[in-house]
Amino acid sequence: MQTAKVSDTPLEFIVEYLHKAKEIADGNASVPEELRINLQKAVDIASGLDPYLEKMSSQESEPLAELFRKTMSHDWEKVYEDGKTLFKLPKECITGQVEGQVLKMLVHMSKARRILEIGMFTGYGALSMAEALPEDGELIACELEPYLKEFVQPVFDKSPHGRKINVKIGPAMDALKELAATGEQFDMVFIDADKVNYINYYKFIMDNNLLRIDGVICVDNSLFKGRVYLQDTTDEMGLALRAFNQFVTSDPRVEQVIIPLRDGLSVIRRVPHIPGPDTQNGVTFDEVFRGVQGKAVLDRLRLDKKVAYVTGGGQGIGRAFAHALGEAGAKVAIIDVDKDKAEKVAEELRLKGIQSLALTADISKPEDVQRMIDSIVSKWGAIHIACNNAGINKNSASEDTSLEEWDQTFNVNLRGTFMCCQAVGRVMLKQGYGKIINTASMASLIVPHPQKQLSYNTSKAGVVKLTQTLGTEWVERGVRVNCISPGIVDTPLIHSESLEPLVKRWLSDIPAGRLAQVTDLQAAIVYLASEASDYMTGHNLVIEGGQSLW
C-alpha cells in the first residue's frame, strides 16, 4: 500500500489546505458556485507549479536519478530502529531535481572551484554541485551519520564526478574548526543541517573567513514549512530559522535573497566592505583596497565590449589566442590566409557563445591588411585589441639562404607586422585607446640551435624593435604596443620523425624540461589586452621555460 504524501513545503501545505477547503465547499450546497470555481482555480495553479518546474528544468543525470530512487525506496524508519542512524531521516528531505539544478546552476554562475556542504543526507545536493565543478574542483561534505556515507558511496563511485566529493564524518562544527585552523576557504557554502545551529555555522564561516571574497552561501529550508513567518508559530525550528533569517538580513557584511523554492533557499553573498571616509581601524580606503574603478583585480582582466583580431588565427598559437580573448569577453575576428581554417576557428568560438568573424587575408599584401581592418570596423565599429601573430619560418644555413627566402620571411614576419600595426594604429589613435600585441620569438633574444634560421631570427628581432619604437611613440595617445616571445611550442609537426632528434636537443636546453603548450601563452595575451597592463608598453614578454637563460 502506497504511503500518502506528507506535506513538507509551504506550497504543499497550501495545496493540502486548498483541497480540504474545496472538499468542504463541494459538500455544502449553500456554498456559492463562484466560490467553488475560484477554489478549483487556486488548486489548479498551486498544485500544477511543482510538476511544471520539474518538467521544464533540465533533467537530472542517471547517477542523480539512481540516488533519488535509492533514497525514496529505502526504509529509513527501520534503519533508525536498528540503531544505524542517530536520527529519523525523512526521505522527503532529499534535495530533489529542481533544487539540485538550481544549486548546479549557482556553481556554474559563481565559477566555484571549492564547495563546503554542511549536512549531506544522501548526497543528492552534493553530487548535483559536484557535476558543475571543474575537473580539479572539490566539495567537502560534513555529515554526522557514518551510515549515510556508506549509503551514498556506491553511487558516488559510479559517477565521474563522485571523486570530487570528500565526506567528513562527525559534528559539523568540529569540521569547521579544523578547516579554519588550516586556512581553508570556499567559493560556495551550502548549509542543510540541524536548523537550530544554522546561525552558529553562519557566524563561524563569516568570522573565520571560510568564505572567499566573492563567495556565496546557500541555505536550505529557510522558509521551513511557512513557520518562519507565521506570527503564532511556537515551533522551535521555525523560530530558530526566523532568528537566523533576521540575523543575516541585518548583517552589513552580506546581502541575501530568499527564493521560495520548495522549503526556501537563501542565497547570501558578501558585499564590499566600506570603511569610514579616510580610515577605520587602520584600513586605508584607496584603490588598493576597493579596486581601480571599484573592480577586483580579476575583473580588470575582463575584455567585455572589446573588439579584437588575431592574424594567423586559424591554427596553433593564433587559435589559442583567439579562444583566450573570446573567453575573456571580447568579440574576435579570426584572420588567416587559409579561409577554411579561419572559418573553423570562428565556428569553435560561436559554439562557446563568443561573437566571432572569419576573414581571409595575406598580411604581406597592404591591400589585404587595409581590407581586413576596414571589414572589422565596418562590422563592429572599432578595434581595441590587435594580435599580430601571423608568421613563417624557413630553415636554411646562412650561406645558403636565398634572397627569395629572406624576402618571403621579412614580408610576413616584419613588413606584414608593421603594416598591421600601422593600419590598426591609425584606428586606435583616432579612438584614443588600443592594445597591440605582436608575436615575436625567443629567437629575438638568443640564437636557437641546432636548427639554422637566419631570416626568421633576424625578422623576429626586428619585431621586438618595432614594438619598442611604437610603444614609446603611441603610449601618450592611449595606444600600448607590446610583444610576446614564445619558446619552442609543441605542435604536431614537432613530433615528426625527422624532428625527433632536434626535440631531444631542445629539451636538454630548457630548464622547465618540456616544450611550451599553446595554452601556456593564453593568460599572457589576456593580460596584455586588458586594462590591467595599461602601464606596460614596448615590452617583450618572454615565455620560454627559461631556455634563454642557459
Protein backbone atom coordinates (compact mmCIF):
# COMPACT_ATOMS: atom_id res chain seq x y z
CA MET A 1 0.00 0.00 0.00
CA GLN A 2 1.41 3.36 -1.05
CA THR A 3 2.08 5.83 1.75
CA ALA A 4 0.11 9.07 1.50
CA LYS A 5 2.25 12.07 0.58
CA VAL A 6 3.20 14.20 3.58
CA SER A 7 3.22 17.97 3.05
CA ASP A 8 6.64 19.48 3.72
CA THR A 9 6.92 22.81 1.91
CA PRO A 10 4.77 25.96 2.15
CA LEU A 11 3.37 25.28 -1.32
CA GLU A 12 2.50 21.68 -0.46
CA PHE A 13 0.65 22.88 2.65
CA ILE A 14 -1.22 25.46 0.54
CA VAL A 15 -2.27 22.70 -1.87
CA GLU A 16 -3.32 20.47 1.02
CA TYR A 17 -5.42 23.20 2.65
CA LEU A 18 -6.97 24.21 -0.66
CA HIS A 19 -8.01 20.62 -1.33
CA LYS A 20 -9.61 20.43 2.11
CA ALA A 21 -11.39 23.75 1.55
CA LYS A 22 -12.60 22.51 -1.84
CA GLU A 23 -13.95 19.28 -0.29
CA ILE A 24 -15.81 21.29 2.33
CA ALA A 25 -17.22 23.61 -0.32
CA ASP A 26 -18.25 20.70 -2.55
CA GLY A 27 -20.04 19.07 0.39
CA ASN A 28 -22.03 22.15 1.29
CA ALA A 29 -24.88 23.01 -1.04
CA SER A 30 -25.13 26.55 0.34
CA VAL A 31 -21.62 27.48 -0.87
CA PRO A 32 -21.90 29.72 -3.96
CA GLU A 33 -20.79 28.14 -7.21
CA GLU A 34 -18.47 31.09 -7.84
CA LEU A 35 -16.54 30.24 -4.65
CA ARG A 36 -16.17 26.62 -5.74
CA ILE A 37 -14.92 27.71 -9.17
CA ASN A 38 -12.32 30.04 -7.68
CA LEU A 39 -11.18 27.40 -5.20
CA GLN A 40 -10.67 25.00 -8.10
CA LYS A 41 -8.65 27.60 -9.97
CA ALA A 42 -6.46 28.12 -6.90
CA VAL A 43 -5.99 24.34 -6.56
CA ASP A 44 -5.02 24.05 -10.23
CA ILE A 45 -2.47 26.85 -10.03
CA ALA A 46 -0.92 25.75 -6.74
CA SER A 47 -0.84 22.01 -7.47
CA GLY A 48 0.49 22.47 -11.00
CA LEU A 49 3.53 24.59 -10.14
CA ASP A 50 5.95 21.96 -8.77
CA PRO A 51 5.25 19.41 -11.55
CA TYR A 52 5.71 22.11 -14.19
CA LEU A 53 9.03 23.23 -12.67
CA GLU A 54 10.23 19.63 -12.68
CA LYS A 55 9.17 19.19 -16.30
CA MET A 56 10.74 22.41 -17.54
CA SER A 57 14.00 22.17 -15.57
CA SER A 58 16.93 20.26 -17.08
CA GLN A 59 16.66 16.61 -16.25
CA GLU A 60 18.98 15.04 -13.72
CA SER A 61 21.86 12.76 -14.64
CA GLU A 62 21.46 9.00 -14.29
CA PRO A 63 23.59 8.82 -11.10
CA LEU A 64 21.37 11.50 -9.54
CA ALA A 65 18.23 9.68 -10.69
CA GLU A 66 19.57 6.46 -9.17
CA LEU A 67 20.36 8.24 -5.92
CA PHE A 68 16.84 9.69 -5.81
CA ARG A 69 15.25 6.27 -6.39
CA LYS A 70 17.51 4.65 -3.82
CA THR A 71 16.67 7.31 -1.22
CA MET A 72 12.91 7.20 -1.79
CA SER A 73 12.71 3.38 -1.69
CA HIS A 74 14.90 2.98 1.39
CA ASP A 75 13.29 2.06 4.73
CA TRP A 76 14.67 4.89 6.84
CA GLU A 77 12.47 4.11 9.81
CA LYS A 78 13.87 0.58 10.05
CA VAL A 79 17.41 1.93 9.69
CA TYR A 80 16.75 4.15 12.72
CA GLU A 81 15.10 1.35 14.70
CA ASP A 82 18.12 -0.87 14.00
CA GLY A 83 20.36 1.80 15.52
CA LYS A 84 22.21 2.53 12.31
CA THR A 85 21.39 6.25 12.42
CA LEU A 86 21.20 8.68 15.31
CA PHE A 87 18.07 10.38 13.97
CA LYS A 88 14.97 9.51 12.00
CA LEU A 89 15.67 10.72 8.47
CA PRO A 90 12.54 11.55 6.45
CA LYS A 91 13.04 10.81 2.77
CA GLU A 92 11.13 13.99 1.91
CA CYS A 93 14.27 15.90 2.95
CA ILE A 94 16.10 14.86 -0.22
CA THR A 95 17.18 17.86 -2.27
CA GLY A 96 15.43 16.75 -5.46
CA GLN A 97 15.71 17.56 -9.15
CA VAL A 98 14.72 21.24 -9.29
CA GLU A 99 16.71 22.35 -6.27
CA GLY A 100 19.62 20.21 -7.44
CA GLN A 101 19.58 22.01 -10.79
CA VAL A 102 19.42 25.39 -9.02
CA LEU A 103 22.48 24.52 -6.92
CA LYS A 104 24.27 23.23 -10.01
CA MET A 105 23.44 26.48 -11.83
CA LEU A 106 24.72 28.57 -8.91
CA VAL A 107 28.02 26.68 -9.00
CA HIS A 108 28.33 27.42 -12.71
CA MET A 109 27.38 31.08 -12.28
CA SER A 110 29.74 31.67 -9.36
CA LYS A 111 32.51 29.68 -11.11
CA ALA A 112 33.08 27.89 -7.83
CA ARG A 113 36.05 25.56 -7.55
CA ARG A 114 35.75 24.62 -3.87
CA ILE A 115 32.46 23.98 -2.08
CA LEU A 116 31.67 23.26 1.55
CA GLU A 117 28.42 21.43 2.33
CA ILE A 118 27.23 21.30 5.94
CA GLY A 119 24.76 18.43 6.24
CA MET A 120 24.66 15.93 3.38
CA PHE A 121 21.77 13.45 3.98
CA THR A 122 22.01 11.09 0.98
CA GLY A 123 24.28 13.29 -1.15
CA TYR A 124 21.87 14.42 -3.91
CA GLY A 125 22.78 18.08 -3.44
CA ALA A 126 26.48 17.23 -3.14
CA LEU A 127 26.53 15.29 -6.39
CA SER A 128 24.46 17.96 -8.17
CA MET A 129 27.01 20.62 -7.23
CA ALA A 130 29.97 18.34 -7.98
CA GLU A 131 28.70 17.86 -11.53
CA ALA A 132 29.18 21.61 -12.08
CA LEU A 133 32.68 21.76 -10.60
CA PRO A 134 35.74 21.79 -12.88
CA GLU A 135 37.79 18.61 -13.11
CA ASP A 136 40.10 19.75 -10.32
CA GLY A 137 37.26 21.06 -8.16
CA GLU A 138 36.50 19.76 -4.67
CA LEU A 139 33.42 19.51 -2.48
CA ILE A 140 33.83 18.80 1.23
CA ALA A 141 30.64 17.46 2.80
CA CYS A 142 30.25 17.46 6.58
CA GLU A 143 27.94 14.66 7.72
CA LEU A 144 27.22 13.45 11.23
CA GLU A 145 25.88 9.99 10.28
CA PRO A 146 28.51 7.41 9.18
CA TYR A 147 25.69 5.32 7.70
CA LEU A 148 24.94 7.99 5.12
CA LYS A 149 28.47 7.92 3.72
CA GLU A 150 28.20 4.15 3.32
CA PHE A 151 24.76 4.56 1.72
CA VAL A 152 25.83 7.07 -0.93
CA GLN A 153 29.39 5.96 -1.72
CA PRO A 154 28.43 3.29 -4.31
CA VAL A 155 26.55 5.93 -6.33
CA PHE A 156 29.41 8.43 -5.99
CA ASP A 157 31.76 5.72 -7.29
CA LYS A 158 29.61 5.24 -10.40
CA SER A 159 29.57 8.95 -11.24
CA PRO A 160 32.57 10.55 -12.98
CA HIS A 161 32.08 13.47 -10.55
CA GLY A 162 31.92 11.47 -7.34
CA ARG A 163 35.69 11.62 -6.91
CA LYS A 164 35.40 15.39 -6.35
CA ILE A 165 33.44 14.77 -3.13
CA ASN A 166 35.20 14.29 0.21
CA VAL A 167 32.84 13.33 3.06
CA LYS A 168 33.96 14.25 6.57
CA ILE A 169 32.14 12.30 9.30
CA GLY A 170 31.49 13.94 12.66
CA PRO A 171 29.98 17.09 14.16
CA ALA A 172 29.93 19.90 11.58
CA MET A 173 31.38 22.47 13.98
CA ASP A 174 34.41 20.26 14.60
CA ALA A 175 34.99 20.06 10.85
CA LEU A 176 34.61 23.85 10.51
CA LYS A 177 37.18 24.45 13.24
CA GLU A 178 39.59 22.06 11.57
CA LEU A 179 39.15 23.76 8.18
CA ALA A 180 39.59 27.22 9.71
CA ALA A 181 42.75 26.14 11.53
CA THR A 182 44.38 25.16 8.23
CA GLY A 183 43.28 28.37 6.47
CA GLU A 184 40.83 26.72 4.07
CA GLN A 185 38.48 28.88 2.01
CA PHE A 186 35.50 28.08 -0.19
CA ASP A 187 33.78 29.71 -3.15
CA MET A 188 30.40 28.36 -2.10
CA VAL A 189 28.93 27.02 1.14
CA PHE A 190 25.68 25.05 1.28
CA ILE A 191 24.04 24.71 4.69
CA ASP A 192 21.42 21.99 5.13
CA ALA A 193 21.85 20.54 8.60
CA ASP A 194 20.38 20.96 12.08
CA LYS A 195 18.27 24.12 11.85
CA VAL A 196 18.95 25.39 15.38
CA ASN A 197 22.68 25.62 14.61
CA TYR A 198 22.37 27.44 11.27
CA ILE A 199 23.20 30.73 12.93
CA ASN A 200 26.28 29.26 14.63
CA TYR A 201 27.56 27.77 11.37
CA TYR A 202 26.97 31.05 9.57
CA LYS A 203 28.73 33.14 12.22
CA PHE A 204 31.74 30.82 12.29
CA ILE A 205 32.05 30.80 8.49
CA MET A 206 31.93 34.58 8.26
CA ASP A 207 34.04 35.35 11.33
CA ASN A 208 36.80 32.96 10.25
CA ASN A 209 36.80 33.88 6.54
CA LEU A 210 35.95 30.39 5.36
CA LEU A 211 34.05 32.12 2.56
CA ARG A 212 36.16 33.67 -0.18
CA ILE A 213 35.89 37.34 -1.08
CA ASP A 214 33.32 36.73 -3.85
CA GLY A 215 31.83 33.65 -2.27
CA VAL A 216 28.18 32.64 -1.92
CA ILE A 217 26.37 30.91 0.94
CA CYS A 218 23.23 28.93 0.12
CA VAL A 219 20.92 27.90 2.95
CA ASP A 220 18.21 25.27 2.58
CA ASN A 221 14.89 25.19 4.47
CA SER A 222 14.96 28.92 5.25
CA LEU A 223 11.14 29.10 4.90
CA PHE A 224 10.63 25.87 6.89
CA LYS A 225 7.03 24.88 6.19
CA GLY A 226 5.98 28.52 6.44
CA ARG A 227 6.60 28.50 10.18
CA VAL A 228 9.29 31.17 9.99
CA TYR A 229 6.76 33.85 9.04
CA LEU A 230 3.53 32.64 10.67
CA GLN A 231 3.04 35.03 13.59
CA ASP A 232 1.57 32.47 16.00
CA THR A 233 4.20 29.78 15.46
CA THR A 234 5.72 28.10 18.51
CA ASP A 235 7.79 25.58 16.53
CA GLU A 236 11.38 25.52 17.81
CA MET A 237 12.98 25.12 14.41
CA GLY A 238 10.69 27.68 12.83
CA LEU A 239 11.64 30.22 15.49
CA ALA A 240 15.34 29.35 15.11
CA LEU A 241 15.21 29.89 11.36
CA ARG A 242 13.27 33.13 11.82
CA ALA A 243 16.07 34.39 14.07
CA PHE A 244 18.66 33.18 11.54
CA ASN A 245 16.99 34.94 8.62
CA GLN A 246 16.71 38.15 10.62
CA PHE A 247 20.36 37.98 11.68
CA VAL A 248 21.56 37.54 8.09
CA THR A 249 19.40 40.35 6.70
CA SER A 250 20.79 42.66 9.41
CA ASP A 251 24.43 41.64 8.81
CA PRO A 252 26.19 44.54 6.98
CA ARG A 253 28.77 42.13 5.57
CA VAL A 254 26.30 40.45 3.22
CA GLU A 255 23.15 40.76 1.16
CA GLN A 256 20.63 37.97 0.75
CA VAL A 257 17.52 36.89 -1.10
CA ILE A 258 15.21 34.05 -0.07
CA ILE A 259 13.91 32.10 -3.05
CA PRO A 260 10.58 30.33 -2.40
CA LEU A 261 11.86 27.10 -3.91
CA ARG A 262 10.47 24.05 -2.10
CA ASP A 263 11.11 24.83 1.59
CA GLY A 264 13.05 28.03 0.88
CA LEU A 265 16.56 28.60 -0.43
CA SER A 266 18.55 31.60 0.82
CA VAL A 267 21.32 32.94 -1.40
CA ILE A 268 23.78 35.09 0.55
CA ARG A 269 26.81 36.94 -0.83
CA ARG A 270 29.48 39.16 0.61
CA VAL A 271 29.29 42.87 -0.17
CA PRO A 272 32.34 45.15 -0.41
CA HIS A 273 33.43 46.43 2.98
CA ILE A 274 33.12 50.22 3.22
CA PRO A 275 35.16 51.84 6.00
CA GLY A 276 34.99 55.50 7.03
CA PRO A 277 35.86 58.40 4.67
CA ASP A 278 39.61 58.07 5.23
CA THR A 279 40.49 55.31 7.62
CA GLN A 280 38.84 52.93 10.01
CA ASN A 281 40.76 50.61 12.30
CA GLY A 282 43.89 51.30 10.29
CA VAL A 283 42.22 50.48 6.94
CA THR A 284 43.10 52.85 4.11
CA PHE A 285 40.16 53.27 1.76
CA ASP A 286 42.07 53.67 -1.50
CA GLU A 287 42.24 51.98 -4.91
CA VAL A 288 44.34 49.16 -3.49
CA PHE A 289 41.56 48.41 -1.02
CA ARG A 290 38.47 48.97 -3.17
CA GLY A 291 39.99 48.25 -6.60
CA VAL A 292 40.58 50.54 -9.57
CA GLN A 293 37.17 51.94 -10.51
CA GLY A 294 35.76 49.55 -7.91
CA LYS A 295 36.92 46.47 -9.85
CA ALA A 296 38.63 43.49 -8.24
CA VAL A 297 41.89 42.56 -9.93
CA LEU A 298 40.42 39.64 -11.88
CA ASP A 299 37.61 41.87 -13.15
CA ARG A 300 40.25 44.21 -14.59
CA LEU A 301 41.32 41.35 -16.85
CA ARG A 302 37.87 41.14 -18.42
CA LEU A 303 37.60 42.19 -22.08
CA ASP A 304 33.84 42.75 -22.26
CA LYS A 305 32.70 45.06 -25.10
CA LYS A 306 36.18 44.94 -26.65
CA VAL A 307 36.82 44.09 -30.32
CA ALA A 308 39.91 42.02 -31.13
CA TYR A 309 41.53 40.40 -34.12
CA VAL A 310 44.16 37.67 -34.39
CA THR A 311 46.23 37.18 -37.54
CA GLY A 312 47.34 33.63 -38.15
CA GLY A 313 44.32 32.75 -36.03
CA GLY A 314 43.42 29.59 -37.93
CA GLN A 315 45.77 27.29 -36.04
CA GLY A 316 48.40 26.92 -33.33
CA ILE A 317 49.24 29.93 -31.19
CA GLY A 318 46.78 32.20 -33.01
CA ARG A 319 43.89 29.81 -32.40
CA ALA A 320 44.77 29.67 -28.69
CA PHE A 321 44.93 33.49 -28.56
CA ALA A 322 41.51 33.76 -30.20
CA HIS A 323 39.91 31.41 -27.70
CA ALA A 324 41.54 33.19 -24.75
CA LEU A 325 40.40 36.65 -25.86
CA GLY A 326 36.89 35.40 -26.55
CA GLU A 327 36.63 33.63 -23.19
CA ALA A 328 37.66 36.90 -21.52
CA GLY A 329 34.70 38.64 -23.18
CA ALA A 330 35.98 40.10 -26.46
CA LYS A 331 34.48 39.83 -29.92
CA VAL A 332 37.15 38.18 -32.07
CA ALA A 333 37.93 38.35 -35.79
CA ILE A 334 39.95 35.36 -36.99
CA ILE A 335 42.36 36.34 -39.77
CA ASP A 336 44.17 33.69 -41.78
CA VAL A 337 45.45 33.17 -45.30
CA ASP A 338 43.54 29.87 -45.25
CA LYS A 339 39.81 30.58 -45.39
CA ASP A 340 38.73 27.15 -44.16
CA LYS A 341 40.97 27.32 -41.09
CA ALA A 342 39.73 30.80 -40.19
CA GLU A 343 36.09 29.73 -40.51
CA LYS A 344 36.68 26.60 -38.46
CA VAL A 345 38.09 28.57 -35.51
CA ALA A 346 35.35 31.19 -35.82
CA GLU A 347 32.79 28.39 -35.58
CA GLU A 348 34.57 27.00 -32.49
CA LEU A 349 34.14 30.38 -30.83
CA ARG A 350 30.50 30.63 -31.84
CA LEU A 351 29.83 27.22 -30.27
CA LYS A 352 31.16 28.68 -27.00
CA GLY A 353 28.86 31.70 -27.25
CA ILE A 354 31.60 34.09 -28.44
CA GLN A 355 30.94 36.70 -31.14
CA SER A 356 33.34 35.89 -33.97
CA LEU A 357 34.17 36.74 -37.57
CA ALA A 358 36.33 34.88 -40.11
CA LEU A 359 38.35 36.90 -42.63
CA THR A 360 40.87 35.82 -45.25
CA ALA A 361 43.97 37.98 -45.65
CA ASP A 362 47.62 37.73 -46.64
CA ILE A 363 49.29 40.25 -44.33
CA SER A 364 52.26 40.62 -46.70
CA LYS A 365 49.89 42.49 -49.03
CA PRO A 366 48.98 46.05 -47.99
CA GLU A 367 45.60 45.92 -49.72
CA ASP A 368 44.65 42.77 -47.74
CA VAL A 369 45.71 44.39 -44.48
CA GLN A 370 43.63 47.50 -45.07
CA ARG A 371 40.62 45.47 -46.20
CA MET A 372 40.92 43.38 -43.03
CA ILE A 373 40.91 46.47 -40.79
CA ASP A 374 38.05 48.11 -42.73
CA SER A 375 35.93 44.93 -42.52
CA ILE A 376 36.27 44.68 -38.74
CA VAL A 377 35.50 48.37 -38.17
CA SER A 378 32.53 48.13 -40.53
CA LYS A 379 31.23 45.07 -38.65
CA TRP A 380 31.84 46.11 -35.04
CA GLY A 381 32.59 49.84 -35.14
CA ALA A 382 36.04 49.74 -33.50
CA ILE A 383 39.18 47.71 -32.86
CA HIS A 384 40.52 47.68 -29.32
CA ILE A 385 42.90 44.71 -29.42
CA ALA A 386 45.21 43.72 -32.28
CA CYS A 387 47.13 40.45 -32.11
CA ASN A 388 49.62 40.45 -34.96
CA ASN A 389 50.60 36.82 -34.75
CA ALA A 390 50.98 35.54 -38.32
CA GLY A 391 54.47 34.41 -39.24
CA ILE A 392 56.51 31.91 -41.26
CA ASN A 393 59.80 30.10 -40.67
CA LYS A 394 62.04 28.68 -43.38
CA ASN A 395 65.18 26.90 -42.21
CA SER A 396 68.42 27.03 -44.15
CA ALA A 397 72.10 27.56 -43.48
CA SER A 398 73.10 31.23 -43.68
CA GLU A 399 75.37 30.70 -46.65
CA ASP A 400 72.50 29.02 -48.48
CA THR A 401 69.75 31.49 -47.56
CA SER A 402 68.34 32.90 -50.76
CA LEU A 403 67.07 36.43 -51.21
CA GLU A 404 63.70 34.89 -52.02
CA GLU A 405 63.58 33.13 -48.64
CA TRP A 406 64.79 36.28 -46.87
CA ASP A 407 62.20 38.46 -48.59
CA GLN A 408 59.34 35.99 -48.02
CA THR A 409 60.17 35.76 -44.32
CA PHE A 410 60.52 39.51 -43.82
CA ASN A 411 57.44 40.28 -45.92
CA VAL A 412 55.27 38.34 -43.48
CA ASN A 413 57.11 38.49 -40.15
CA LEU A 414 58.32 42.09 -40.11
CA ARG A 415 56.87 44.03 -43.03
CA GLY A 416 53.46 42.42 -42.52
CA THR A 417 53.53 43.08 -38.77
CA PHE A 418 54.48 46.71 -39.45
CA MET A 419 51.62 47.16 -41.93
CA CYS A 420 49.13 45.67 -39.48
CA CYS A 421 50.43 47.88 -36.65
CA GLN A 422 50.24 50.98 -38.82
CA ALA A 423 46.77 50.27 -40.21
CA VAL A 424 45.21 49.37 -36.88
CA GLY A 425 47.24 52.05 -35.12
CA ARG A 426 45.52 54.75 -37.16
CA VAL A 427 42.16 53.42 -35.94
CA MET A 428 43.30 53.19 -32.33
CA LEU A 429 44.95 56.62 -32.27
CA LYS A 430 41.72 58.13 -33.50
CA GLN A 431 39.84 56.24 -30.74
CA GLY A 432 42.40 57.30 -28.14
CA TYR A 433 42.75 53.71 -26.93
CA GLY A 434 44.15 50.40 -28.10
CA LYS A 435 46.28 47.38 -27.29
CA ILE A 436 48.62 45.96 -29.93
CA ILE A 437 50.32 42.65 -29.15
CA ASN A 438 52.85 41.35 -31.65
CA THR A 439 54.16 37.79 -31.66
CA ALA A 440 57.96 37.86 -31.64
CA SER A 441 60.01 34.85 -30.56
CA MET A 442 62.63 33.63 -28.15
CA ALA A 443 64.79 33.82 -31.27
CA SER A 444 64.82 37.59 -30.76
CA LEU A 445 66.97 37.02 -27.64
CA ILE A 446 69.15 34.02 -28.42
CA VAL A 447 70.15 32.00 -31.47
CA PRO A 448 68.12 28.78 -31.20
CA HIS A 449 70.11 25.73 -32.19
CA PRO A 450 70.98 23.39 -33.76
CA GLN A 451 68.44 24.47 -36.43
CA LYS A 452 69.61 27.20 -38.78
CA GLN A 453 67.09 30.01 -39.37
CA LEU A 454 68.88 33.28 -40.07
CA SER A 455 65.98 35.08 -41.74
CA TYR A 456 63.49 34.05 -39.04
CA ASN A 457 65.76 35.07 -36.14
CA THR A 458 66.54 38.44 -37.69
CA SER A 459 62.92 39.18 -38.58
CA LYS A 460 61.76 38.43 -35.03
CA ALA A 461 64.45 40.67 -33.57
CA GLY A 462 63.03 43.35 -35.85
CA VAL A 463 59.55 42.74 -34.44
CA VAL A 464 60.85 43.48 -30.93
CA LYS A 465 62.46 46.75 -32.02
CA LEU A 466 59.33 47.68 -33.99
CA THR A 467 57.29 47.04 -30.82
CA GLN A 468 59.60 49.10 -28.63
CA THR A 469 59.57 52.04 -31.04
CA LEU A 470 55.79 52.11 -31.50
CA GLY A 471 55.30 51.51 -27.79
CA THR A 472 57.12 54.70 -26.91
CA GLU A 473 55.65 56.81 -29.73
CA TRP A 474 52.00 55.95 -29.15
CA VAL A 475 51.63 55.45 -25.40
CA GLU A 476 50.83 59.10 -24.68
CA ARG A 477 47.99 58.87 -27.18
CA GLY A 478 46.39 55.88 -25.47
CA VAL A 479 47.84 53.03 -27.55
CA ARG A 480 50.11 50.46 -25.90
CA VAL A 481 52.26 48.19 -28.03
CA ASN A 482 53.86 45.08 -26.56
CA CYS A 483 55.00 41.70 -27.80
CA ILE A 484 55.20 38.10 -26.65
CA SER A 485 58.24 35.92 -27.30
CA PRO A 486 57.28 32.24 -27.00
CA GLY A 487 59.79 29.47 -26.77
CA ILE A 488 59.53 26.32 -28.88
CA VAL A 489 55.86 25.40 -28.99
CA ASP A 490 54.62 21.82 -29.04
CA THR A 491 52.80 21.26 -32.34
CA PRO A 492 52.04 18.10 -34.38
CA LEU A 493 54.92 19.00 -36.72
CA ILE A 494 57.37 18.88 -33.81
CA HIS A 495 56.63 15.18 -33.34
CA SER A 496 57.52 14.15 -36.89
CA GLU A 497 60.22 11.51 -37.23
CA SER A 498 62.64 13.93 -38.89
CA LEU A 499 62.48 16.39 -35.98
CA GLU A 500 62.68 13.86 -33.12
CA PRO A 501 66.49 14.30 -32.66
CA LEU A 502 66.02 18.08 -32.52
CA VAL A 503 63.32 17.78 -29.85
CA LYS A 504 65.69 15.84 -27.59
CA ARG A 505 68.31 18.56 -28.01
CA TRP A 506 65.82 21.34 -27.33
CA LEU A 507 64.56 19.67 -24.16
CA SER A 508 68.10 19.48 -22.83
CA ASP A 509 68.32 23.28 -23.22
CA ILE A 510 65.06 24.09 -21.41
CA PRO A 511 65.17 24.38 -17.59
CA ALA A 512 61.42 23.67 -17.43
CA GLY A 513 62.08 20.28 -19.04
CA ARG A 514 59.30 20.50 -21.62
CA LEU A 515 58.19 22.38 -24.70
CA ALA A 516 55.65 25.19 -24.46
CA GLN A 517 51.97 24.42 -24.96
CA VAL A 518 49.82 26.99 -26.73
CA THR A 519 47.75 27.16 -23.55
CA ASP A 520 50.85 28.41 -21.67
CA LEU A 521 50.52 31.65 -23.64
CA GLN A 522 46.80 32.36 -23.22
CA ALA A 523 46.85 34.20 -19.88
CA ALA A 524 49.63 36.47 -21.16
CA ILE A 525 47.63 37.60 -24.18
CA VAL A 526 44.62 38.40 -21.98
CA TYR A 527 46.80 40.39 -19.56
CA LEU A 528 48.41 42.43 -22.36
CA ALA A 529 44.99 43.01 -23.96
CA SER A 530 43.35 44.16 -20.72
CA GLU A 531 43.34 47.39 -18.73
CA ALA A 532 45.45 45.62 -16.08
CA SER A 533 48.51 46.17 -18.32
CA ASP A 534 47.83 49.85 -19.10
CA TYR A 535 51.22 50.93 -17.71
CA MET A 536 53.14 48.45 -19.86
CA THR A 537 54.34 49.44 -23.32
CA GLY A 538 57.23 48.47 -25.58
CA HIS A 539 57.74 45.32 -23.51
CA ASN A 540 58.85 41.92 -24.78
CA LEU A 541 57.17 39.30 -22.58
CA VAL A 542 59.30 36.16 -22.79
CA ILE A 543 57.60 32.80 -22.14
CA GLU A 544 60.10 30.05 -22.90
CA GLY A 545 60.53 27.87 -19.79
CA GLY A 546 63.89 29.52 -19.02
CA GLN A 547 65.58 28.46 -22.29
CA SER A 548 67.05 31.91 -22.96
CA LEU A 549 68.76 31.83 -19.54
CA TRP A 550 71.08 28.93 -20.35
